[in-house]
Amino acid sequence: MEENKQTLTVTDRNRLHVDGVSSVVSFDSERIELNGVLGGITVEGEGLTVASLNLDQGQVSIEGQITAVAYGKSLAEKTPRHKGKTILNRLMK
């Protein structure tokens, strides 16, 4: 696959195929977060499952009732606002 190319294909709002995926950050039955070659992708819905995953080829297929697909900043680039501080340190400042 070309390095900076990404393809998303939604079929009948219940199957999503994505090319250009570099990692799966997190997933549960209502939300799946991916990192792609062009940034982060968040998929929301109900009964979501990762039907197939091949990170060597950068491909993932998701099944379930898809209600939203959003693009954003690469999830690997996000850092906590209070990195390195415990909740007690933040409360006692």
Foldseek 3Di string as FASTA:
>chain_A
DDQQDKDWDQDPQFKIKIAFWQAWPDDDQAWTWTAGSPAIKIWGDGRKDFPDDDNVRRMTMIGDRTDDIDGDHHPVPDDDPPPPDDPVRVVVD
